[in-house]
Protein backbone atom coordinates (compact mmCIF):
# COMPACT_ATOMS: atom_id res chain seq x y z
CA MET A 1 -12.90 -5.78 -8.80
CA ASN A 2 -9.24 -5.04 -9.56
CA LEU A 3 -7.11 -1.93 -9.50
CA SER A 4 -6.85 -0.47 -12.98
CA PRO A 5 -3.48 -0.10 -14.73
CA GLN A 6 -3.95 3.67 -14.31
CA HIS A 7 -4.30 3.26 -10.53
CA ILE A 8 -1.18 1.07 -10.37
CA SER A 9 0.71 3.63 -12.45
CA SER A 10 -0.43 6.45 -10.13
CA ILE A 11 0.62 4.46 -7.07
CA ASN A 12 4.03 3.80 -8.62
CA ARG A 13 4.56 7.46 -9.47
CA PHE A 14 3.67 8.46 -5.92
CA PHE A 15 5.89 5.84 -4.27
CA SER A 16 8.83 6.78 -6.50
CA SER A 17 8.72 10.27 -4.94
CA ILE A 18 8.83 9.12 -1.29
CA PRO A 19 11.10 6.78 0.74
CA VAL A 20 9.38 3.48 -0.08
CA LYS A 21 11.43 0.45 -1.14
CA ARG A 22 8.53 -1.88 -1.97
CA ALA A 23 4.76 -1.82 -1.88
CA TYR A 24 2.29 -4.68 -1.92
CA LEU A 25 -1.45 -5.02 -2.25
CA PHE A 26 -3.02 -7.36 0.27
CA GLY A 27 -6.53 -8.18 1.34
CA SER A 28 -9.55 -8.21 -0.96
CA TYR A 29 -7.85 -6.41 -3.88
CA SER A 30 -4.95 -8.88 -3.93
CA ARG A 31 -7.40 -11.80 -3.89
CA ASN A 32 -9.65 -10.29 -6.59
CA GLU A 33 -12.51 -10.25 -4.08
CA ALA A 34 -12.90 -6.47 -3.76
CA ASN A 35 -16.27 -4.83 -4.22
CA GLU A 36 -17.37 -1.20 -4.47
CA GLY A 37 -17.17 -0.74 -0.68
CA SER A 38 -13.75 -2.34 -0.22
CA ASP A 39 -10.81 -0.30 0.97
CA ILE A 40 -7.40 -0.72 -0.65
CA ASP A 41 -4.89 -2.42 1.65
CA ILE A 42 -1.27 -1.49 0.92
CA LEU A 43 1.79 -2.77 2.75
CA VAL A 44 5.00 -0.74 2.39
CA GLU A 45 8.65 -1.41 3.18
CA LEU A 46 10.10 1.97 4.06
CA ASP A 47 13.58 3.34 3.37
CA HIS A 48 14.60 4.62 6.80
CA SER A 49 17.68 6.42 5.50
CA THR A 50 15.29 9.38 5.14
CA PRO A 51 13.35 10.52 8.24
CA ILE A 52 9.64 9.77 7.83
CA GLY A 53 7.90 10.45 11.14
CA MET A 54 4.44 11.96 10.76
CA LYS A 55 4.75 12.07 6.95
CA PHE A 56 3.44 8.49 6.94
CA PHE A 57 -0.05 9.84 7.65
CA PHE A 58 0.30 12.27 4.73
CA TYR A 59 1.18 9.31 2.48
CA LYS A 60 -2.09 7.58 3.39
CA ASP A 61 -4.11 10.75 2.79
CA GLU A 62 -2.38 11.37 -0.54
CA LEU A 63 -3.06 7.80 -1.72
CA GLU A 64 -6.74 8.22 -0.82
CA ARG A 65 -6.82 11.45 -2.82
CA ILE A 66 -5.12 9.83 -5.83
CA LEU A 67 -7.20 6.64 -5.78
CA LYS A 68 -10.47 8.21 -4.61
CA LYS A 69 -10.92 5.26 -2.24
CA LYS A 70 -10.25 4.56 1.42
CA VAL A 71 -6.70 3.23 1.85
CA ASP A 72 -5.31 1.15 4.70
CA LEU A 73 -1.56 1.86 4.57
CA VAL A 74 0.55 -0.45 6.73
CA SER A 75 4.29 -0.39 7.38
CA TYR A 76 6.01 -3.78 7.15
CA GLU A 77 8.08 -2.92 10.21
CA GLY A 78 4.93 -2.27 12.22
CA LEU A 79 3.25 -5.61 11.52
CA SER A 80 2.42 -7.89 14.40
CA LYS A 81 4.07 -11.31 14.18
CA TYR A 82 0.55 -12.75 14.45
CA VAL A 83 -0.83 -10.81 11.47
CA LYS A 84 2.25 -11.02 9.23
CA PRO A 85 1.65 -14.62 7.98
CA TYR A 86 -1.86 -13.74 6.78
CA ILE A 87 -0.65 -10.66 4.92
CA ASP A 88 2.36 -12.51 3.48
CA LYS A 89 -0.01 -15.16 2.09
CA ASP A 90 -2.06 -12.57 0.16
CA LYS A 91 0.44 -9.86 -0.75
CA VAL A 92 1.14 -8.95 -4.38
CA LEU A 93 4.11 -6.74 -5.29
CA ILE A 94 2.97 -3.54 -7.03
CA TYR A 95 6.06 -1.32 -6.61
CA GLU A 96 9.80 -1.82 -6.19
CA ARG A 97 12.47 0.86 -6.22
């Protein structure tokens, strides 16, 4: 199961309206192993020139509303050094400002 071009377009429109520099798919969707029950894992590099704070949780909720799927939204800056190599191996760029 893959994300449709319409989903990618919707994600890009949303990220263009908030302080995100880049966004990547990772996990089952990036490996083309997703099934109906899979969540959508998205890694973002944030633009910290604009305060974000608690808005990050709104971003996740809004993506779930747009995509009608559970979303795991992760900030690149918040990644553990132990998890980062696994995500870097799978990640696929889907948005760049």
